[in-house]
Amino acid sequence: MRVLILLLFFTLEIFAHDLTHTRSNTQSITVAFAFSSQVDFAYKNYEIFAPDTTIPFAVGRTDALSRVTFVPNQTGEWKLKVFSEDGHGKVVTIDVKEDMSTTEQTQTPKWLKIYSGMLSIFFIFALLFIYKQRKIR
């Protein structure tokens, strides 16, 4: 009898280590990242925040193709923060609607970023020039 109880106990322990999985065909969201020179952003850290929360819904690393994939469980504005060890990163806002379709905030065009950067540098040098001219007089 003791041997039977002991065998039953060990049999239950074997099932405790049985890792199961399920496959789902639900709609997921995939966001891919790359620098302008097409350098990949593979294996970088990310955090996903559900609407109106401060604790991450999911954390992890981007895959080998620089992608983050997740399945939202509620509607609202989701935030995806992706960052590397050297400080590069981005925050992407994804609006999940009732039918689980998504919209993403539009990105600033590259030409506008370049133009505003050049204009800022020109403005700084113009201020320095005016300051030097007043100092000479």
Protein backbone atom coordinates (compact mmCIF):
# COMPACT_ATOMS: atom_id res chain seq x y z
CA MET A 1 0.00 0.00 0.00
CA ARG A 2 2.81 2.41 0.86
CA VAL A 3 4.51 1.64 -2.43
CA LEU A 4 1.28 2.38 -4.33
CA ILE A 5 0.86 5.75 -2.58
CA LEU A 6 4.51 6.56 -3.23
CA LEU A 7 4.14 5.71 -6.93
CA LEU A 8 0.99 7.82 -7.16
CA PHE A 9 2.79 10.76 -5.57
CA PHE A 10 5.71 10.55 -8.03
CA THR A 11 3.30 10.20 -10.94
CA LEU A 12 1.67 13.50 -9.98
CA GLU A 13 5.12 15.12 -9.75
CA ILE A 14 5.87 14.07 -13.33
CA PHE A 15 2.77 15.93 -14.58
CA ALA A 16 3.88 19.06 -12.73
CA HIS A 17 6.75 19.37 -15.23
CA ASP A 18 4.58 18.85 -18.30
CA LEU A 19 4.75 22.17 -20.16
CA THR A 20 1.74 22.63 -22.45
CA HIS A 21 1.07 25.22 -25.14
CA THR A 22 -1.86 26.51 -27.14
CA ARG A 23 -1.86 28.00 -30.61
CA SER A 24 -4.09 30.97 -31.28
CA ASN A 25 -5.05 32.74 -34.50
CA THR A 26 -5.99 36.00 -32.83
CA GLN A 27 -5.10 39.34 -34.35
CA SER A 28 -1.68 40.45 -33.17
CA ILE A 29 0.18 43.72 -33.61
CA THR A 30 3.68 43.66 -35.05
CA VAL A 31 5.92 46.72 -35.09
CA ALA A 32 9.28 46.60 -36.90
CA PHE A 33 12.18 48.94 -36.15
CA ALA A 34 15.20 50.04 -38.20
CA PHE A 35 17.50 53.01 -38.45
CA SER A 36 17.45 55.06 -41.65
CA SER A 37 20.50 53.20 -42.90
CA GLN A 38 18.54 49.94 -42.53
CA VAL A 39 20.73 48.87 -39.62
CA ASP A 40 18.73 46.44 -37.60
CA PHE A 41 17.49 46.92 -34.05
CA ALA A 42 17.56 43.22 -33.20
CA TYR A 43 17.57 41.93 -29.63
CA LYS A 44 16.93 45.34 -28.03
CA ASN A 45 14.78 45.83 -24.93
CA TYR A 46 11.13 46.80 -25.10
CA GLU A 47 8.24 47.49 -22.74
CA ILE A 48 4.56 47.52 -23.68
CA PHE A 49 2.12 49.51 -21.55
CA ALA A 50 -1.63 48.94 -21.64
CA PRO A 51 -3.90 52.01 -21.54
CA ASP A 52 -3.78 53.98 -18.27
CA THR A 53 -1.18 51.77 -16.57
CA THR A 54 2.34 52.31 -15.32
CA ILE A 55 3.27 48.65 -14.93
CA PRO A 56 4.37 47.04 -18.22
CA PHE A 57 1.93 44.63 -19.88
CA ALA A 58 4.93 42.86 -21.44
CA VAL A 59 8.70 43.24 -21.45
CA GLY A 60 11.27 41.53 -23.60
CA ARG A 61 13.62 41.90 -26.53
CA THR A 62 12.96 42.48 -30.21
CA ASP A 63 13.36 39.40 -32.38
CA ALA A 64 16.09 38.69 -34.95
CA LEU A 65 14.22 40.82 -37.52
CA SER A 66 13.89 43.83 -35.13
CA ARG A 67 10.16 43.23 -34.53
CA VAL A 68 7.91 43.38 -31.49
CA THR A 69 4.68 41.38 -31.60
CA PHE A 70 1.92 41.41 -28.99
CA VAL A 71 -1.79 40.70 -28.65
CA PRO A 72 -3.73 43.49 -26.90
CA ASN A 73 -6.46 42.46 -24.48
CA GLN A 74 -8.30 45.79 -24.34
CA THR A 75 -9.03 48.88 -26.37
CA GLY A 76 -7.30 52.19 -25.87
CA GLU A 77 -3.94 53.84 -26.36
CA TRP A 78 -1.05 51.39 -25.97
CA LYS A 79 2.54 52.58 -25.60
CA LEU A 80 5.51 50.62 -26.89
CA LYS A 81 8.94 51.73 -25.65
CA VAL A 82 11.95 50.28 -27.43
CA PHE A 83 15.45 51.14 -26.27
CA SER A 84 19.03 49.98 -26.58
CA GLU A 85 21.87 49.97 -24.08
CA ASP A 86 23.49 53.02 -25.71
CA GLY A 87 20.40 55.21 -25.29
CA HIS A 88 18.79 54.98 -28.73
CA GLY A 89 15.11 54.26 -28.69
CA LYS A 90 11.59 55.27 -29.51
CA VAL A 91 8.12 55.43 -27.99
CA VAL A 92 5.33 54.32 -30.33
CA THR A 93 1.68 54.99 -29.52
CA ILE A 94 -0.82 52.50 -30.94
CA ASP A 95 -4.57 53.13 -30.71
CA VAL A 96 -6.51 49.85 -30.46
CA LYS A 97 -10.17 50.19 -31.42
CA GLU A 98 -13.24 48.13 -30.44
CA ASP A 99 -12.83 45.70 -33.34
CA MET A 100 -9.12 45.36 -32.38
CA SER A 101 -8.04 47.25 -35.48
CA THR A 102 -5.23 49.72 -34.89
CA THR A 103 -4.06 53.14 -35.91
CA GLU A 104 -0.59 54.49 -35.32
CA GLN A 105 0.42 58.10 -34.92
CA THR A 106 2.02 59.35 -38.09
CA GLN A 107 5.76 59.81 -38.09
CA THR A 108 7.49 63.09 -38.76
CA PRO A 109 8.87 63.08 -42.32
CA LYS A 110 12.65 62.80 -42.55
CA TRP A 111 12.99 65.98 -44.62
CA LEU A 112 11.22 67.95 -41.90
CA LYS A 113 13.61 66.63 -39.24
CA ILE A 114 16.63 67.59 -41.37
CA TYR A 115 15.18 71.01 -42.16
CA SER A 116 14.36 71.82 -38.53
CA GLY A 117 17.84 70.68 -37.44
CA MET A 118 19.55 72.89 -40.01
CA LEU A 119 17.28 75.81 -39.12
CA SER A 120 18.10 75.38 -35.42
CA ILE A 121 21.84 75.43 -36.11
CA PHE A 122 21.45 78.52 -38.32
CA PHE A 123 19.40 80.25 -35.60
CA ILE A 124 22.03 79.55 -32.93
CA PHE A 125 24.83 80.93 -35.11
CA ALA A 126 22.71 83.99 -35.98
CA LEU A 127 22.19 84.70 -32.27
CA LEU A 128 25.92 84.30 -31.61
CA PHE A 129 26.72 86.65 -34.50
CA ILE A 130 24.31 89.31 -33.21
CA TYR A 131 25.70 88.92 -29.70
CA LYS A 132 29.29 89.37 -30.96
CA GLN A 133 28.30 92.44 -33.03
CA ARG A 134 26.75 94.12 -29.97
CA LYS A 135 29.80 93.29 -27.88
CA ILE A 136 32.12 94.97 -30.44
CA ARG A 137 30.16 98.25 -30.39
